[in-house]
Amino acid sequence: MRKSSRKPGTLRWLIGGTLLVGAALGTLAVMTRSDAPPAAPKLSRLEQEAEARFAGSEPYITMPNGRRAPPSNPAHALQMKVNAYKGILAKESEDRDPTFHLKAEAELVRRRPMRAAIEWTDVTGNREMDFNIEDSSACGFGDNTELTVAIEDIAHHPCLAQGGNFWEAGVKLSVHLTPISKDDPLWAELLYTTKKAMAAESHLANLDAAKGS
């Protein structure tokens, strides 16, 4: 039998060298993967349709001086496309259904939109904030338009924290609510938003129904 002329020390060196090379390649692979850009978030069905509808065009913002400015980032651009697409769906819904406008009005009445003003006192002094509540139907206000709410009970009125909870424990909020009526200029804006939401919801429901049939 022919004996190998390779010395044991040399064999150990070759094996060790192979392992080192393998480890180095593994490290390189890990480094390469970590340098790869993160995967783009998956678009919803409505976002996909909006992108397809406005493919090849970019939305813009009209400034007070009439100048057109681009969206602040790709996510903002997508949001603008989806909003415009919802407007198209709302127009198509009104064209198909003469009662669509009345249905949207009834839905907005059910939501009972409000203007909210909150006042409170903390270590920085007297503070206040104003915002609109597009849907107060599940906020637990009842028929009240003046409330005093302890922070510990804010969960009973989730609409009050829709923009975030800025308050410390022990603070009490003085809440002033003003229902938004049909003669308020904001009503028309909220009605259009309601139409877009209803039209988009109906559009997606019809697509699911057609897929299941």
Protein backbone atom coordinates (compact mmCIF):
# COMPACT_ATOMS: atom_id res chain seq x y z
CA MET A 1 0.00 0.00 0.00
CA ARG A 2 1.33 3.40 -0.98
CA LYS A 3 1.77 5.73 1.91
CA SER A 4 0.92 9.40 1.57
CA SER A 5 3.94 11.65 1.56
CA ARG A 6 1.90 14.52 3.07
CA LYS A 7 2.84 15.21 6.64
CA PRO A 8 0.18 15.30 9.36
CA GLY A 9 1.02 18.91 10.13
CA THR A 10 0.49 19.87 6.54
CA LEU A 11 -2.86 18.07 6.47
CA ARG A 12 -4.01 19.89 9.59
CA TRP A 13 -2.93 23.19 8.00
CA LEU A 14 -4.89 22.46 4.82
CA ILE A 15 -7.98 21.49 6.78
CA GLY A 16 -7.67 24.53 9.01
CA GLY A 17 -7.12 26.75 5.97
CA THR A 18 -10.23 25.35 4.29
CA LEU A 19 -12.30 26.04 7.39
CA LEU A 20 -10.95 29.58 7.59
CA VAL A 21 -11.78 30.21 3.94
CA GLY A 22 -15.25 28.79 4.48
CA ALA A 23 -15.76 30.98 7.52
CA ALA A 24 -14.56 34.02 5.59
CA LEU A 25 -16.96 33.30 2.76
CA GLY A 26 -19.78 32.89 5.27
CA THR A 27 -18.95 36.24 6.84
CA LEU A 28 -18.87 37.84 3.40
CA ALA A 29 -22.29 36.40 2.61
CA VAL A 30 -23.71 37.76 5.87
CA MET A 31 -22.16 41.17 5.22
CA THR A 32 -23.57 41.19 1.70
CA ARG A 33 -27.04 40.34 2.92
CA SER A 34 -26.98 43.02 5.60
CA ASP A 35 -26.00 45.64 3.03
CA ALA A 36 -29.01 44.81 0.82
CA PRO A 37 -31.83 47.41 0.92
CA PRO A 38 -34.91 46.41 2.93
CA ALA A 39 -37.76 44.91 0.95
CA ALA A 40 -40.42 47.40 -0.09
CA PRO A 41 -43.69 47.04 1.87
CA LYS A 42 -46.38 45.09 0.06
CA LEU A 43 -49.00 47.37 -1.45
CA SER A 44 -52.68 46.91 -0.66
CA ARG A 45 -55.13 46.15 -3.46
CA LEU A 46 -56.27 49.77 -3.55
CA GLU A 47 -52.67 51.05 -3.61
CA GLN A 48 -51.83 48.72 -6.49
CA GLU A 49 -54.82 49.97 -8.49
CA ALA A 50 -53.95 53.60 -7.75
CA GLU A 51 -50.36 53.06 -8.91
CA ALA A 52 -51.61 51.40 -12.10
CA ARG A 53 -54.20 54.12 -12.73
CA PHE A 54 -51.62 56.91 -12.47
CA ALA A 55 -48.66 55.03 -13.94
CA GLY A 56 -46.25 57.38 -15.68
CA SER A 57 -47.50 60.47 -13.89
CA GLU A 58 -46.45 62.12 -10.65
CA PRO A 59 -48.83 63.98 -8.30
CA TYR A 60 -48.01 67.48 -7.19
CA ILE A 61 -49.00 69.96 -4.49
CA THR A 62 -50.24 73.40 -5.49
CA MET A 63 -48.68 76.01 -3.20
CA PRO A 64 -50.52 79.23 -2.17
CA ASN A 65 -48.49 81.15 -4.76
CA GLY A 66 -49.61 78.76 -7.49
CA ARG A 67 -46.27 76.95 -7.76
CA ARG A 68 -46.38 73.18 -8.10
CA ALA A 69 -44.27 71.22 -5.63
CA PRO A 70 -43.56 67.46 -5.67
CA PRO A 71 -44.61 65.18 -2.80
CA SER A 72 -42.22 65.08 0.15
CA ASN A 73 -41.37 61.38 -0.35
CA PRO A 74 -42.56 58.23 -2.22
CA ALA A 75 -44.97 57.32 0.59
CA HIS A 76 -46.57 60.77 0.34
CA ALA A 77 -46.83 60.38 -3.44
CA LEU A 78 -48.58 57.02 -3.02
CA GLN A 79 -50.96 58.51 -0.48
CA MET A 80 -51.88 61.28 -2.93
CA LYS A 81 -52.48 58.76 -5.73
CA VAL A 82 -54.73 56.65 -3.50
CA ASN A 83 -56.69 59.74 -2.45
CA ALA A 84 -57.16 60.78 -6.08
CA TYR A 85 -58.19 57.24 -7.01
CA LYS A 86 -60.79 57.22 -4.23
CA GLY A 87 -62.14 60.46 -5.69
CA ILE A 88 -62.58 58.72 -9.05
CA LEU A 89 -64.38 55.81 -7.38
CA ALA A 90 -66.69 58.24 -5.56
CA LYS A 91 -67.54 60.02 -8.84
CA GLU A 92 -68.27 56.69 -10.51
CA SER A 93 -70.49 55.66 -7.57
CA GLU A 94 -72.50 58.89 -7.85
CA ASP A 95 -72.88 58.40 -11.60
CA ARG A 96 -74.19 54.85 -11.11
CA ASP A 97 -76.39 55.48 -8.07
CA PRO A 98 -78.49 58.67 -7.81
CA THR A 99 -79.00 57.96 -4.09
CA PHE A 100 -75.29 57.67 -3.30
CA HIS A 101 -75.10 61.30 -2.14
CA LEU A 102 -78.00 60.79 0.28
CA LYS A 103 -76.44 57.57 1.60
CA ALA A 104 -73.16 59.39 2.26
CA GLU A 105 -75.01 62.20 4.06
CA ALA A 106 -76.83 59.67 6.24
CA GLU A 107 -73.54 57.98 7.09
CA LEU A 108 -71.94 61.29 8.04
CA VAL A 109 -74.93 62.15 10.23
CA ARG A 110 -74.49 58.78 11.95
CA ARG A 111 -70.80 59.52 12.56
CA ARG A 112 -71.70 62.85 14.17
CA PRO A 113 -68.50 64.79 13.44
CA MET A 114 -67.30 67.23 16.09
CA ARG A 115 -64.88 70.06 16.65
CA ALA A 116 -63.05 69.30 19.90
CA ALA A 117 -61.21 71.71 22.19
CA ILE A 118 -59.32 70.33 25.18
CA GLU A 119 -57.91 72.39 28.04
CA TRP A 120 -55.74 71.12 30.90
CA THR A 121 -53.09 72.22 33.37
CA ASP A 122 -49.73 70.53 33.91
CA VAL A 123 -46.28 71.50 35.20
CA THR A 124 -45.77 73.79 32.19
CA GLY A 125 -48.96 75.75 32.88
CA ASN A 126 -52.32 76.04 31.15
CA ARG A 127 -52.46 74.23 27.84
CA GLU A 128 -55.02 73.58 25.14
CA MET A 129 -55.43 71.81 21.80
CA ASP A 130 -58.05 71.84 19.04
CA PHE A 131 -58.82 69.18 16.45
CA ASN A 132 -61.67 67.62 14.48
CA ILE A 133 -63.31 64.28 15.22
CA GLU A 134 -64.65 62.85 11.97
CA ASP A 135 -66.48 59.98 13.71
CA SER A 136 -67.59 60.45 17.31
CA SER A 137 -70.20 57.67 17.23
CA ALA A 138 -68.04 55.28 19.30
CA CYS A 139 -66.45 57.87 21.60
CA GLY A 140 -68.85 57.53 24.49
CA PHE A 141 -69.88 61.19 24.53
CA GLY A 142 -73.62 60.57 24.51
CA ASP A 143 -75.40 63.90 24.14
CA ASN A 144 -72.77 65.75 26.17
CA THR A 145 -70.82 68.61 24.70
CA GLU A 146 -68.99 69.57 27.93
CA LEU A 147 -67.00 66.90 29.78
CA THR A 148 -64.33 66.63 32.43
CA VAL A 149 -62.24 63.53 31.78
CA ALA A 150 -59.54 62.10 34.04
CA ILE A 151 -56.56 60.69 32.17
CA GLU A 152 -57.22 57.32 33.82
CA ASP A 153 -60.60 57.25 32.01
CA ILE A 154 -59.33 58.35 28.58
CA ALA A 155 -59.87 54.83 27.19
CA HIS A 156 -63.61 55.40 27.55
CA HIS A 157 -63.31 58.27 25.03
CA PRO A 158 -60.74 57.02 22.47
CA CYS A 159 -61.39 59.89 20.06
CA LEU A 160 -59.75 62.30 22.46
CA ALA A 161 -56.42 60.50 22.09
CA GLN A 162 -56.63 59.97 18.32
CA GLY A 163 -53.47 62.03 17.82
CA GLY A 164 -51.62 60.53 20.78
CA ASN A 165 -51.71 60.69 24.56
CA PHE A 166 -49.76 63.75 25.71
CA TRP A 167 -50.90 63.82 29.31
CA GLU A 168 -49.43 62.70 32.60
CA ALA A 169 -51.22 60.73 35.29
CA GLY A 170 -53.53 62.77 37.47
CA VAL A 171 -54.33 65.38 34.83
CA LYS A 172 -57.97 66.23 34.19
CA LEU A 173 -59.16 67.39 30.78
CA SER A 174 -61.87 69.95 30.17
CA VAL A 175 -63.42 68.90 26.87
CA HIS A 176 -65.59 71.21 24.76
CA LEU A 177 -67.39 69.63 21.80
CA THR A 178 -69.11 71.45 18.95
CA PRO A 179 -71.15 69.33 16.52
CA ILE A 180 -70.35 70.08 12.88
CA SER A 181 -73.61 70.97 11.15
CA LYS A 182 -74.49 71.02 7.45
CA ASP A 183 -74.07 74.79 7.26
CA ASP A 184 -70.47 74.50 8.48
CA PRO A 185 -67.97 74.72 5.55
CA LEU A 186 -66.17 71.70 7.03
CA TRP A 187 -69.27 69.55 6.50
CA ALA A 188 -68.80 69.51 2.71
CA GLU A 189 -65.17 68.45 3.12
CA LEU A 190 -66.10 65.64 5.50
CA LEU A 191 -68.93 64.56 3.22
CA TYR A 192 -66.50 64.19 0.32
CA THR A 193 -64.15 62.17 2.55
CA THR A 194 -67.09 59.95 3.53
CA LYS A 195 -68.03 59.41 -0.12
CA LYS A 196 -64.49 58.36 -0.97
CA ALA A 197 -64.33 55.93 1.96
CA MET A 198 -67.71 54.40 1.10
CA ALA A 199 -66.89 54.09 -2.59
CA ALA A 200 -63.53 52.44 -1.90
CA GLU A 201 -65.10 50.01 0.57
CA SER A 202 -67.84 49.08 -1.91
CA HIS A 203 -65.32 48.70 -4.74
CA LEU A 204 -63.17 46.26 -2.74
CA ALA A 205 -66.25 44.33 -1.58
CA ASN A 206 -67.38 43.93 -5.19
CA LEU A 207 -63.95 42.65 -6.19
CA ASP A 208 -64.01 40.07 -3.37
CA ALA A 209 -67.53 39.01 -4.36
CA ALA A 210 -66.52 38.57 -7.99
CA LYS A 211 -63.45 36.57 -6.94
CA GLY A 212 -65.56 34.25 -4.79
CA SER A 213 -68.27 33.65 -7.39
